[in-house]
Amino acid sequence: MPVLIYVENNGTSHQVEALNGQNLMQVALKNLIPGILGDCGGICSCATCHVFVDEPWIEKLPMMSETERFLIEGIPETQAGSRLSCQVKVQDSMDGMIVHLPKEQF
């Protein structure tokens, strides 16, 4: 079972176990990680689950869909590792991955 590390904007870190096949948003909500809203329930239509994946992990993630890319382009503060957490499914290879949360969701 992979362990993920979510880091709030204020620096508070949360280390949690994740089930393969769940997405990063589901893991965060299940573990009561503050900073991810997931208003659309994970259907990639709202961008309220925006996260910043730590740089060493960016290239290891699946490619972004056109819908995800379109929604991210509408977020005012993005970075190279910006992803919608509802679109990234957990895999064993993600053990130790660090996910940063933005100051606020839009």
PDB file of N, CA and C in Angstrom:
ATOM      1  N   MET A   1       0.848  -1.166   0.000  1.00  0.00           N
ATOM      2  CA  MET A   1       0.000   0.000   0.000  1.00  0.00           C
ATOM      3  C   MET A   1       0.903   1.242   0.000  1.00  0.00           C
ATOM      4  N   PRO A   2       0.830   2.075  -1.044  1.00  0.00           N
ATOM      5  CA  PRO A   2       1.692   3.251  -1.118  1.00  0.00           C
ATOM      6  C   PRO A   2       1.366   4.277  -0.037  1.00  0.00           C
ATOM      7  N   VAL A   3       2.391   4.979   0.403  1.00  0.00           N
ATOM      8  CA  VAL A   3       2.239   6.069   1.356  1.00  0.00           C
ATOM      9  C   VAL A   3       2.425   7.374   0.586  1.00  0.00           C
ATOM     10  N   LEU A   4       1.483   8.292   0.755  1.00  0.00           N
ATOM     11  CA  LEU A   4       1.540   9.598   0.113  1.00  0.00           C
ATOM     12  C   LEU A   4       1.712  10.658   1.190  1.00  0.00           C
ATOM     13  N   ILE A   5       2.345  11.751   0.813  1.00  0.00           N
ATOM     14  CA  ILE A   5       2.541  12.859   1.747  1.00  0.00           C
ATOM     15  C   ILE A   5       1.887  14.100   1.162  1.00  0.00           C
ATOM     16  N   TYR A   6       0.865  14.582   1.852  1.00  0.00           N
ATOM     17  CA  TYR A   6       0.180  15.817   1.461  1.00  0.00           C
ATOM     18  C   TYR A   6       0.728  16.936   2.341  1.00  0.00           C
ATOM     19  N   VAL A   7       1.083  18.049   1.728  1.00  0.00           N
ATOM     20  CA  VAL A   7       1.630  19.182   2.463  1.00  0.00           C
ATOM     21  C   VAL A   7       0.711  20.381   2.258  1.00  0.00           C
ATOM     22  N   GLU A   8       0.115  20.834   3.357  1.00  0.00           N
ATOM     23  CA  GLU A   8      -0.754  22.000   3.300  1.00  0.00           C
ATOM     24  C   GLU A   8       0.065  23.237   2.966  1.00  0.00           C
ATOM     25  N   ASN A   9      -0.605  24.294   2.538  1.00  0.00           N
ATOM     26  CA  ASN A   9       0.059  25.537   2.186  1.00  0.00           C
ATOM     27  C   ASN A   9       0.838  26.126   3.358  1.00  0.00           C
ATOM     28  N   ASN A  10       0.407  25.844   4.590  1.00  0.00           N
ATOM     29  CA  ASN A  10       1.097  26.369   5.776  1.00  0.00           C
ATOM     30  C   ASN A  10       2.267  25.481   6.213  1.00  0.00           C
ATOM     31  N   GLY A  11       2.529  24.411   5.466  1.00  0.00           N
ATOM     32  CA  GLY A  11       3.650  23.532   5.761  1.00  0.00           C
ATOM     33  C   GLY A  11       3.302  22.283   6.553  1.00  0.00           C
ATOM     34  N   THR A  12       2.073  22.192   7.059  1.00  0.00           N
ATOM     35  CA  THR A  12       1.646  21.002   7.805  1.00  0.00           C
ATOM     36  C   THR A  12       1.632  19.801   6.868  1.00  0.00           C
ATOM     37  N   SER A  13       2.267  18.730   7.295  1.00  0.00           N
ATOM     38  CA  SER A  13       2.414  17.530   6.485  1.00  0.00           C
ATOM     39  C   SER A  13       1.517  16.406   7.007  1.00  0.00           C
ATOM     40  N   HIS A  14       0.932  15.655   6.083  1.00  0.00           N
ATOM     41  CA  HIS A  14       0.070  14.511   6.417  1.00  0.00           C
ATOM     42  C   HIS A  14       0.559  13.305   5.624  1.00  0.00           C
ATOM     43  N   GLN A  15       1.000  12.280   6.312  1.00  0.00           N
ATOM     44  CA  GLN A  15       1.439  11.042   5.674  1.00  0.00           C
ATOM     45  C   GLN A  15       0.316  10.036   5.792  1.00  0.00           C
ATOM     46  N   VAL A  16      -0.172   9.536   4.651  1.00  0.00           N
ATOM     47  CA  VAL A  16      -1.322   8.628   4.661  1.00  0.00           C
ATOM     48  C   VAL A  16      -1.080   7.439   3.729  1.00  0.00           C
ATOM     49  N   GLU A  17      -1.709   6.327   4.063  1.00  0.00           N
ATOM     50  CA  GLU A  17      -1.683   5.160   3.184  1.00  0.00           C
ATOM     51  C   GLU A  17      -2.812   5.289   2.181  1.00  0.00           C
ATOM     52  N   ALA A  18      -2.553   4.832   0.967  1.00  0.00           N
ATOM     53  CA  ALA A  18      -3.537   4.946  -0.102  1.00  0.00           C
ATOM     54  C   ALA A  18      -3.744   3.599  -0.774  1.00  0.00           C
ATOM     55  N   LEU A  19      -4.936   3.355  -1.211  1.00  0.00           N
ATOM     56  CA  LEU A  19      -5.240   2.141  -1.953  1.00  0.00           C
ATOM     57  C   LEU A  19      -4.997   2.358  -3.435  1.00  0.00           C
ATOM     58  N   ASN A  20      -4.381   1.395  -4.085  1.00  0.00           N
ATOM     59  CA  ASN A  20      -4.218   1.469  -5.531  1.00  0.00           C
ATOM     60  C   ASN A  20      -5.586   1.619  -6.182  1.00  0.00           C
ATOM     61  N   GLY A  21      -5.650   2.466  -7.204  1.00  0.00           N
ATOM     62  CA  GLY A  21      -6.893   2.670  -7.932  1.00  0.00           C
ATOM     63  C   GLY A  21      -7.690   3.867  -7.453  1.00  0.00           C
ATOM     64  N   GLN A  22      -7.492   4.269  -6.195  1.00  0.00           N
ATOM     65  CA  GLN A  22      -8.141   5.493  -5.739  1.00  0.00           C
ATOM     66  C   GLN A  22      -7.423   6.662  -6.386  1.00  0.00           C
ATOM     67  N   ASN A  23      -8.113   7.803  -6.483  1.00  0.00           N
ATOM     68  CA  ASN A  23      -7.399   8.973  -6.984  1.00  0.00           C
ATOM     69  C   ASN A  23      -6.922   9.817  -5.805  1.00  0.00           C
ATOM     70  N   LEU A  24      -6.019  10.738  -6.083  1.00  0.00           N
ATOM     71  CA  LEU A  24      -5.432  11.555  -5.025  1.00  0.00           C
ATOM     72  C   LEU A  24      -6.490  12.343  -4.257  1.00  0.00           C
ATOM     73  N   MET A  25      -7.544  12.768  -4.920  1.00  0.00           N
ATOM     74  CA  MET A  25      -8.623  13.500  -4.260  1.00  0.00           C
ATOM     75  C   MET A  25      -9.348  12.598  -3.254  1.00  0.00           C
ATOM     76  N   GLN A  26      -9.689  11.391  -3.659  1.00  0.00           N
ATOM     77  CA  GLN A  26     -10.382  10.460  -2.771  1.00  0.00           C
ATOM     78  C   GLN A  26      -9.549  10.169  -1.526  1.00  0.00           C
ATOM     79  N   VAL A  27      -8.261   9.974  -1.712  1.00  0.00           N
ATOM     80  CA  VAL A  27      -7.371   9.690  -0.589  1.00  0.00           C
ATOM     81  C   VAL A  27      -7.368  10.871   0.378  1.00  0.00           C
ATOM     82  N   ALA A  28      -7.256  12.094  -0.168  1.00  0.00           N
ATOM     83  CA  ALA A  28      -7.230  13.289   0.680  1.00  0.00           C
ATOM     84  C   ALA A  28      -8.537  13.455   1.444  1.00  0.00           C
ATOM     85  N   LEU A  29      -9.655  13.297   0.762  1.00  0.00           N
ATOM     86  CA  LEU A  29     -10.953  13.470   1.426  1.00  0.00           C
ATOM     87  C   LEU A  29     -11.171  12.400   2.490  1.00  0.00           C
ATOM     88  N   LYS A  30     -10.815  11.158   2.178  1.00  0.00           N
ATOM     89  CA  LYS A  30     -10.983  10.063   3.135  1.00  0.00           C
ATOM     90  C   LYS A  30     -10.163  10.308   4.405  1.00  0.00           C
ATOM     91  N   ASN A  31      -9.010  10.939   4.243  1.00  0.00           N
ATOM     92  CA  ASN A  31      -8.113  11.178   5.375  1.00  0.00           C
ATOM     93  C   ASN A  31      -8.261  12.583   5.962  1.00  0.00           C
ATOM     94  N   LEU A  32      -9.319  13.280   5.559  1.00  0.00           N
ATOM     95  CA  LEU A  32      -9.647  14.612   6.085  1.00  0.00           C
ATOM     96  C   LEU A  32      -8.499  15.613   5.940  1.00  0.00           C
ATOM     97  N   ILE A  33      -7.828  15.554   4.791  1.00  0.00           N
ATOM     98  CA  ILE A  33      -6.754  16.500   4.496  1.00  0.00           C
ATOM     99  C   ILE A  33      -7.408  17.825   4.105  1.00  0.00           C
ATOM    100  N   PRO A  34      -7.137  18.895   4.843  1.00  0.00           N
ATOM    101  CA  PRO A  34      -7.737  20.177   4.475  1.00  0.00           C
ATOM    102  C   PRO A  34      -7.107  20.756   3.208  1.00  0.00           C
ATOM    103  N   GLY A  35      -7.912  21.431   2.404  1.00  0.00           N
ATOM    104  CA  GLY A  35      -7.382  22.107   1.226  1.00  0.00           C
ATOM    105  C   GLY A  35      -7.840  21.539  -0.093  1.00  0.00           C
ATOM    106  N   ILE A  36      -8.495  20.396  -0.085  1.00  0.00           N
ATOM    107  CA  ILE A  36      -9.067  19.833  -1.306  1.00  0.00           C
ATOM    108  C   ILE A  36     -10.580  19.776  -1.107  1.00  0.00           C
ATOM    109  N   LEU A  37     -11.298  20.423  -2.024  1.00  0.00           N
ATOM    110  CA  LEU A  37     -12.752  20.474  -1.905  1.00  0.00           C
ATOM    111  C   LEU A  37     -13.432  19.361  -2.690  1.00  0.00           C
ATOM    112  N   GLY A  38     -13.061  19.184  -3.938  1.00  0.00           N
ATOM    113  CA  GLY A  38     -13.666  18.141  -4.767  1.00  0.00           C
ATOM    114  C   GLY A  38     -15.148  18.357  -4.982  1.00  0.00           C
ATOM    115  N   ASP A  39     -15.535  19.598  -5.288  1.00  0.00           N
ATOM    116  CA  ASP A  39     -16.952  19.946  -5.425  1.00  0.00           C
ATOM    117  C   ASP A  39     -17.701  19.111  -6.453  1.00  0.00           C
ATOM    118  N   CYS A  40     -17.049  18.713  -7.532  1.00  0.00           N
ATOM    119  CA  CYS A  40     -17.750  17.964  -8.582  1.00  0.00           C
ATOM    120  C   CYS A  40     -17.757  16.462  -8.316  1.00  0.00           C
ATOM    121  N   GLY A  41     -17.129  16.042  -7.231  1.00  0.00           N
ATOM    122  CA  GLY A  41     -17.123  14.625  -6.898  1.00  0.00           C
ATOM    123  C   GLY A  41     -16.111  13.813  -7.675  1.00  0.00           C
ATOM    124  N   GLY A  42     -15.256  14.473  -8.422  1.00  0.00           N
ATOM    125  CA  GLY A  42     -14.202  13.751  -9.126  1.00  0.00           C
ATOM    126  C   GLY A  42     -14.456  13.502 -10.595  1.00  0.00           C
ATOM    127  N   ILE A  43     -15.363  14.264 -11.212  1.00  0.00           N
ATOM    128  CA  ILE A  43     -15.651  14.045 -12.634  1.00  0.00           C
ATOM    129  C   ILE A  43     -14.937  15.032 -13.549  1.00  0.00           C
ATOM    130  N   CYS A  44     -13.941  15.731 -12.998  1.00  0.00           N
ATOM    131  CA  CYS A  44     -13.101  16.631 -13.779  1.00  0.00           C
ATOM    132  C   CYS A  44     -13.908  17.764 -14.416  1.00  0.00           C
ATOM    133  N   SER A  45     -14.662  18.471 -13.559  1.00  0.00           N
ATOM    134  CA  SER A  45     -15.432  19.586 -14.106  1.00  0.00           C
ATOM    135  C   SER A  45     -15.363  20.852 -13.274  1.00  0.00           C
ATOM    136  N   CYS A  46     -14.544  20.875 -12.201  1.00  0.00           N
ATOM    137  CA  CYS A  46     -14.571  22.081 -11.360  1.00  0.00           C
ATOM    138  C   CYS A  46     -13.196  22.604 -10.955  1.00  0.00           C
ATOM    139  N   ALA A  47     -12.178  21.799 -10.910  1.00  0.00           N
ATOM    140  CA  ALA A  47     -10.813  22.180 -10.536  1.00  0.00           C
ATOM    141  C   ALA A  47     -10.656  22.569  -9.073  1.00  0.00           C
ATOM    142  N   THR A  48     -11.568  22.128  -8.193  1.00  0.00           N
ATOM    143  CA  THR A  48     -11.432  22.418  -6.762  1.00  0.00           C
ATOM    144  C   THR A  48     -10.639  21.337  -6.033  1.00  0.00           C
ATOM    145  N   CYS A  49      -9.895  20.564  -6.796  1.00  0.00           N
ATOM    146  CA  CYS A  49      -9.010  19.550  -6.215  1.00  0.00           C
ATOM    147  C   CYS A  49      -7.598  19.736  -6.735  1.00  0.00           C
ATOM    148  N   HIS A  50      -7.283  20.964  -7.121  1.00  0.00           N
ATOM    149  CA  HIS A  50      -5.975  21.306  -7.683  1.00  0.00           C
ATOM    150  C   HIS A  50      -4.868  21.046  -6.661  1.00  0.00           C
ATOM    151  N   VAL A  51      -3.796  20.427  -7.114  1.00  0.00           N
ATOM    152  CA  VAL A  51      -2.625  20.179  -6.277  1.00  0.00           C
ATOM    153  C   VAL A  51      -1.367  20.444  -7.094  1.00  0.00           C
ATOM    154  N   PHE A  52      -0.230  20.517  -6.382  1.00  0.00           N
ATOM    155  CA  PHE A  52       1.076  20.627  -7.013  1.00  0.00           C
ATOM    156  C   PHE A  52       1.860  19.364  -6.661  1.00  0.00           C
ATOM    157  N   VAL A  53       2.125  18.542  -7.647  1.00  0.00           N
ATOM    158  CA  VAL A  53       2.900  17.325  -7.431  1.00  0.00           C
ATOM    159  C   VAL A  53       4.374  17.716  -7.387  1.00  0.00           C
ATOM    160  N   ASP A  54       5.094  17.199  -6.398  1.00  0.00           N
ATOM    161  CA  ASP A  54       6.508  17.509  -6.227  1.00  0.00           C
ATOM    162  C   ASP A  54       7.271  17.142  -7.500  1.00  0.00           C
ATOM    163  N   GLU A  55       8.230  17.980  -7.863  1.00  0.00           N
ATOM    164  CA  GLU A  55       8.929  17.872  -9.146  1.00  0.00           C
ATOM    165  C   GLU A  55       9.455  16.483  -9.505  1.00  0.00           C
ATOM    166  N   PRO A  56      10.098  15.748  -8.610  1.00  0.00           N
ATOM    167  CA  PRO A  56      10.620  14.436  -9.017  1.00  0.00           C
ATOM    168  C   PRO A  56       9.525  13.454  -9.484  1.00  0.00           C
ATOM    169  N   TRP A  57       8.280  13.722  -9.155  1.00  0.00           N
ATOM    170  CA  TRP A  57       7.191  12.808  -9.475  1.00  0.00           C
ATOM    171  C   TRP A  57       6.428  13.187 -10.736  1.00  0.00           C
ATOM    172  N   ILE A  58       6.608  14.401 -11.225  1.00  0.00           N
ATOM    173  CA  ILE A  58       5.808  14.903 -12.351  1.00  0.00           C
ATOM    174  C   ILE A  58       5.883  13.974 -13.553  1.00  0.00           C
ATOM    175  N   GLU A  59       7.077  13.591 -13.936  1.00  0.00           N
ATOM    176  CA  GLU A  59       7.274  12.764 -15.137  1.00  0.00           C
ATOM    177  C   GLU A  59       6.764  11.336 -14.964  1.00  0.00           C
ATOM    178  N   LYS A  60       6.536  10.923 -13.730  1.00  0.00           N
ATOM    179  CA  LYS A  60       6.083   9.555 -13.466  1.00  0.00           C
ATOM    180  C   LYS A  60       4.562   9.415 -13.517  1.00  0.00           C
ATOM    181  N   LEU A  61       3.853  10.538 -13.645  1.00  0.00           N
ATOM    182  CA  LEU A  61       2.390  10.506 -13.660  1.00  0.00           C
ATOM    183  C   LEU A  61       1.863  10.280 -15.069  1.00  0.00           C
ATOM    184  N   PRO A  62       0.640   9.765 -15.171  1.00  0.00           N
ATOM    185  CA  PRO A  62       0.039   9.612 -16.496  1.00  0.00           C
ATOM    186  C   PRO A  62      -0.171  10.973 -17.146  1.00  0.00           C
ATOM    187  N   MET A  63      -0.242  10.983 -18.446  1.00  0.00           N
ATOM    188  CA  MET A  63      -0.459  12.218 -19.194  1.00  0.00           C
ATOM    189  C   MET A  63      -1.797  12.853 -18.797  1.00  0.00           C
ATOM    190  N   MET A  64      -1.834  14.149 -18.906  1.00  0.00           N
ATOM    191  CA  MET A  64      -3.038  14.918 -18.607  1.00  0.00           C
ATOM    192  C   MET A  64      -4.016  14.817 -19.776  1.00  0.00           C
ATOM    193  N   SER A  65      -5.292  14.678 -19.465  1.00  0.00           N
ATOM    194  CA  SER A  65      -6.308  14.690 -20.522  1.00  0.00           C
ATOM    195  C   SER A  65      -6.511  16.132 -20.985  1.00  0.00           C
ATOM    196  N   GLU A  66      -7.131  16.308 -22.126  1.00  0.00           N
ATOM    197  CA  GLU A  66      -7.427  17.653 -22.631  1.00  0.00           C
ATOM    198  C   GLU A  66      -8.358  18.396 -21.678  1.00  0.00           C
ATOM    199  N   THR A  67      -9.316  17.702 -21.086  1.00  0.00           N
ATOM    200  CA  THR A  67     -10.242  18.333 -20.136  1.00  0.00           C
ATOM    201  C   THR A  67      -9.494  18.832 -18.916  1.00  0.00           C
ATOM    202  N   GLU A  68      -8.617  18.004 -18.374  1.00  0.00           N
ATOM    203  CA  GLU A  68      -7.833  18.425 -17.213  1.00  0.00           C
ATOM    204  C   GLU A  68      -6.964  19.627 -17.571  1.00  0.00           C
ATOM    205  N   ARG A  69      -6.313  19.582 -18.704  1.00  0.00           N
ATOM    206  CA  ARG A  69      -5.444  20.681 -19.143  1.00  0.00           C
ATOM    207  C   ARG A  69      -6.255  21.975 -19.269  1.00  0.00           C
ATOM    208  N   PHE A  70      -7.437  21.891 -19.861  1.00  0.00           N
ATOM    209  CA  PHE A  70      -8.308  23.055 -20.031  1.00  0.00           C
ATOM    210  C   PHE A  70      -8.684  23.664 -18.678  1.00  0.00           C
ATOM    211  N   LEU A  71      -9.064  22.832 -17.717  1.00  0.00           N
ATOM    212  CA  LEU A  71      -9.440  23.328 -16.392  1.00  0.00           C
ATOM    213  C   LEU A  71      -8.252  23.944 -15.665  1.00  0.00           C
ATOM    214  N   ILE A  72      -7.097  23.336 -15.770  1.00  0.00           N
ATOM    215  CA  ILE A  72      -5.907  23.872 -15.112  1.00  0.00           C
ATOM    216  C   ILE A  72      -5.518  25.224 -15.705  1.00  0.00           C
ATOM    217  N   GLU A  73      -5.709  25.386 -17.008  1.00  0.00           N
ATOM    218  CA  GLU A  73      -5.392  26.675 -17.639  1.00  0.00           C
ATOM    219  C   GLU A  73      -6.232  27.813 -17.067  1.00  0.00           C
ATOM    220  N   GLY A  74      -7.377  27.510 -16.477  1.00  0.00           N
ATOM    221  CA  GLY A  74      -8.242  28.527 -15.884  1.00  0.00           C
ATOM    222  C   GLY A  74      -7.927  28.847 -14.429  1.00  0.00           C
ATOM    223  N   ILE A  75      -6.964  28.160 -13.851  1.00  0.00           N
ATOM    224  CA  ILE A  75      -6.580  28.392 -12.452  1.00  0.00           C
ATOM    225  C   ILE A  75      -5.529  29.502 -12.427  1.00  0.00           C
ATOM    226  N   PRO A  76      -5.726  30.534 -11.595  1.00  0.00           N
ATOM    227  CA  PRO A  76      -4.780  31.655 -11.587  1.00  0.00           C
ATOM    228  C   PRO A  76      -3.352  31.301 -11.169  1.00  0.00           C
ATOM    229  N   GLU A  77      -3.169  30.444 -10.190  1.00  0.00           N
ATOM    230  CA  GLU A  77      -1.825  30.135  -9.696  1.00  0.00           C
ATOM    231  C   GLU A  77      -1.494  28.675  -9.976  1.00  0.00           C
ATOM    232  N   THR A  78      -0.742  28.447 -11.033  1.00  0.00           N
ATOM    233  CA  THR A  78      -0.333  27.089 -11.372  1.00  0.00           C
ATOM    234  C   THR A  78       1.192  26.989 -11.352  1.00  0.00           C
ATOM    235  N   GLN A  79       1.656  25.758 -11.358  1.00  0.00           N
ATOM    236  CA  GLN A  79       3.087  25.467 -11.402  1.00  0.00           C
ATOM    237  C   GLN A  79       3.284  24.296 -12.356  1.00  0.00           C
ATOM    238  N   ALA A  80       4.535  23.938 -12.576  1.00  0.00           N
ATOM    239  CA  ALA A  80       4.838  22.819 -13.470  1.00  0.00           C
ATOM    240  C   ALA A  80       4.137  21.539 -13.029  1.00  0.00           C
ATOM    241  N   GLY A  81       3.996  21.320 -11.728  1.00  0.00           N
ATOM    242  CA  GLY A  81       3.384  20.093 -11.208  1.00  0.00           C
ATOM    243  C   GLY A  81       1.894  20.196 -10.955  1.00  0.00           C
ATOM    244  N   SER A  82       1.242  21.216 -11.488  1.00  0.00           N
ATOM    245  CA  SER A  82      -0.200  21.368 -11.272  1.00  0.00           C
ATOM    246  C   SER A  82      -0.972  20.222 -11.902  1.00  0.00           C
ATOM    247  N   ARG A  83      -1.820  19.609 -11.090  1.00  0.00           N
ATOM    248  CA  ARG A  83      -2.705  18.535 -11.554  1.00  0.00           C
ATOM    249  C   ARG A  83      -4.017  18.637 -10.800  1.00  0.00           C
ATOM    250  N   LEU A  84      -5.052  18.058 -11.379  1.00  0.00           N
ATOM    251  CA  LEU A  84      -6.309  17.883 -10.665  1.00  0.00           C
ATOM    252  C   LEU A  84      -6.215  16.531  -9.983  1.00  0.00           C
ATOM    253  N   SER A  85      -6.322  16.544  -8.669  1.00  0.00           N
ATOM    254  CA  SER A  85      -6.086  15.313  -7.914  1.00  0.00           C
ATOM    255  C   SER A  85      -7.112  14.230  -8.222  1.00  0.00           C
ATOM    256  N   CYS A  86      -8.267  14.606  -8.754  1.00  0.00           N
ATOM    257  CA  CYS A  86      -9.273  13.598  -9.114  1.00  0.00           C
ATOM    258  C   CYS A  86      -8.869  12.807 -10.355  1.00  0.00           C
ATOM    259  N   GLN A  87      -7.851  13.274 -11.057  1.00  0.00           N
ATOM    260  CA  GLN A  87      -7.441  12.632 -12.304  1.00  0.00           C
ATOM    261  C   GLN A  87      -6.167  11.798 -12.178  1.00  0.00           C
ATOM    262  N   VAL A  88      -5.623  11.713 -10.978  1.00  0.00           N
ATOM    263  CA  VAL A  88      -4.386  10.951 -10.775  1.00  0.00           C
ATOM    264  C   VAL A  88      -4.683   9.752  -9.888  1.00  0.00           C
ATOM    265  N   LYS A  89      -4.651   8.573 -10.492  1.00  0.00           N
ATOM    266  CA  LYS A  89      -4.928   7.338  -9.749  1.00  0.00           C
ATOM    267  C   LYS A  89      -3.656   6.815  -9.086  1.00  0.00           C
ATOM    268  N   VAL A  90      -3.825   6.381  -7.856  1.00  0.00           N
ATOM    269  CA  VAL A  90      -2.706   5.882  -7.059  1.00  0.00           C
ATOM    270  C   VAL A  90      -2.225   4.536  -7.596  1.00  0.00           C
ATOM    271  N   GLN A  91      -0.898   4.398  -7.644  1.00  0.00           N
ATOM    272  CA  GLN A  91      -0.236   3.153  -8.030  1.00  0.00           C
ATOM    273  C   GLN A  91       0.906   2.894  -7.037  1.00  0.00           C
ATOM    274  N   ASP A  92       1.333   1.648  -6.931  1.00  0.00           N
ATOM    275  CA  ASP A  92       2.442   1.302  -6.032  1.00  0.00           C
ATOM    276  C   ASP A  92       3.669   2.160  -6.289  1.00  0.00           C
ATOM    277  N   SER A  93       3.892   2.517  -7.547  1.00  0.00           N
ATOM    278  CA  SER A  93       5.083   3.295  -7.900  1.00  0.00           C
ATOM    279  C   SER A  93       5.056   4.714  -7.334  1.00  0.00           C
ATOM    280  N   MET A  94       3.951   5.128  -6.753  1.00  0.00           N
ATOM    281  CA  MET A  94       3.820   6.469  -6.176  1.00  0.00           C
ATOM    282  C   MET A  94       4.182   6.500  -4.694  1.00  0.00           C
ATOM    283  N   ASP A  95       4.677   5.400  -4.158  1.00  0.00           N
ATOM    284  CA  ASP A  95       5.031   5.350  -2.741  1.00  0.00           C
ATOM    285  C   ASP A  95       6.029   6.456  -2.411  1.00  0.00           C
ATOM    286  N   GLY A  96       5.683   7.311  -1.453  1.00  0.00           N
ATOM    287  CA  GLY A  96       6.544   8.409  -1.045  1.00  0.00           C
ATOM    288  C   GLY A  96       6.291   9.719  -1.770  1.00  0.00           C
ATOM    289  N   MET A  97       5.354   9.732  -2.705  1.00  0.00           N
ATOM    290  CA  MET A  97       5.079  10.942  -3.479  1.00  0.00           C
ATOM    291  C   MET A  97       4.599  12.077  -2.580  1.00  0.00           C
ATOM    292  N   ILE A  98       5.088  13.278  -2.875  1.00  0.00           N
ATOM    293  CA  ILE A  98       4.711  14.461  -2.114  1.00  0.00           C
ATOM    294  C   ILE A  98       3.781  15.313  -2.965  1.00  0.00           C
ATOM    295  N   VAL A  99       2.647  15.680  -2.364  1.00  0.00           N
ATOM    296  CA  VAL A  99       1.629  16.475  -3.034  1.00  0.00           C
ATOM    297  C   VAL A  99       1.402  17.737  -2.219  1.00  0.00           C
ATOM    298  N   HIS A 100       1.636  18.896  -2.817  1.00  0.00           N
ATOM    299  CA  HIS A 100       1.455  20.171  -2.134  1.00  0.00           C
ATOM    300  C   HIS A 100       0.076  20.735  -2.451  1.00  0.00           C
ATOM    301  N   LEU A 101      -0.529  21.362  -1.467  1.00  0.00           N
ATOM    302  CA  LEU A 101      -1.847  21.953  -1.632  1.00  0.00           C
ATOM    303  C   LEU A 101      -1.727  23.463  -1.816  1.00  0.00           C
ATOM    304  N   PRO A 102      -2.542  24.038  -2.704  1.00  0.00           N
ATOM    305  CA  PRO A 102      -2.479  25.482  -2.911  1.00  0.00           C
ATOM    306  C   PRO A 102      -3.062  26.247  -1.724  1.00  0.00           C
ATOM    307  N   LYS A 103      -2.804  27.545  -1.710  1.00  0.00           N
ATOM    308  CA  LYS A 103      -3.330  28.395  -0.643  1.00  0.00           C
ATOM    309  C   LYS A 103      -4.848  28.338  -0.593  1.00  0.00           C
ATOM    310  N   GLU A 104      -5.479  28.300  -1.773  1.00  0.00           N
ATOM    311  CA  GLU A 104      -6.939  28.169  -1.856  1.00  0.00           C
ATOM    312  C   GLU A 104      -7.317  27.520  -3.173  1.00  0.00           C
ATOM    313  N   GLN A 105      -8.497  26.960  -3.204  1.00  0.00           N
ATOM    314  CA  GLN A 105      -9.022  26.350  -4.416  1.00  0.00           C
ATOM    315  C   GLN A 105      -9.911  27.381  -5.138  1.00  0.00           C
ATOM    316  N   PHE A 106      -9.944  27.327  -6.461  1.00  0.00           N
ATOM    317  CA  PHE A 106     -10.749  28.283  -7.225  1.00  0.00           C
ATOM    318  C   PHE A 106     -11.908  27.613  -7.896  1.00  0.00           C
TER     319      PHE A 106
END
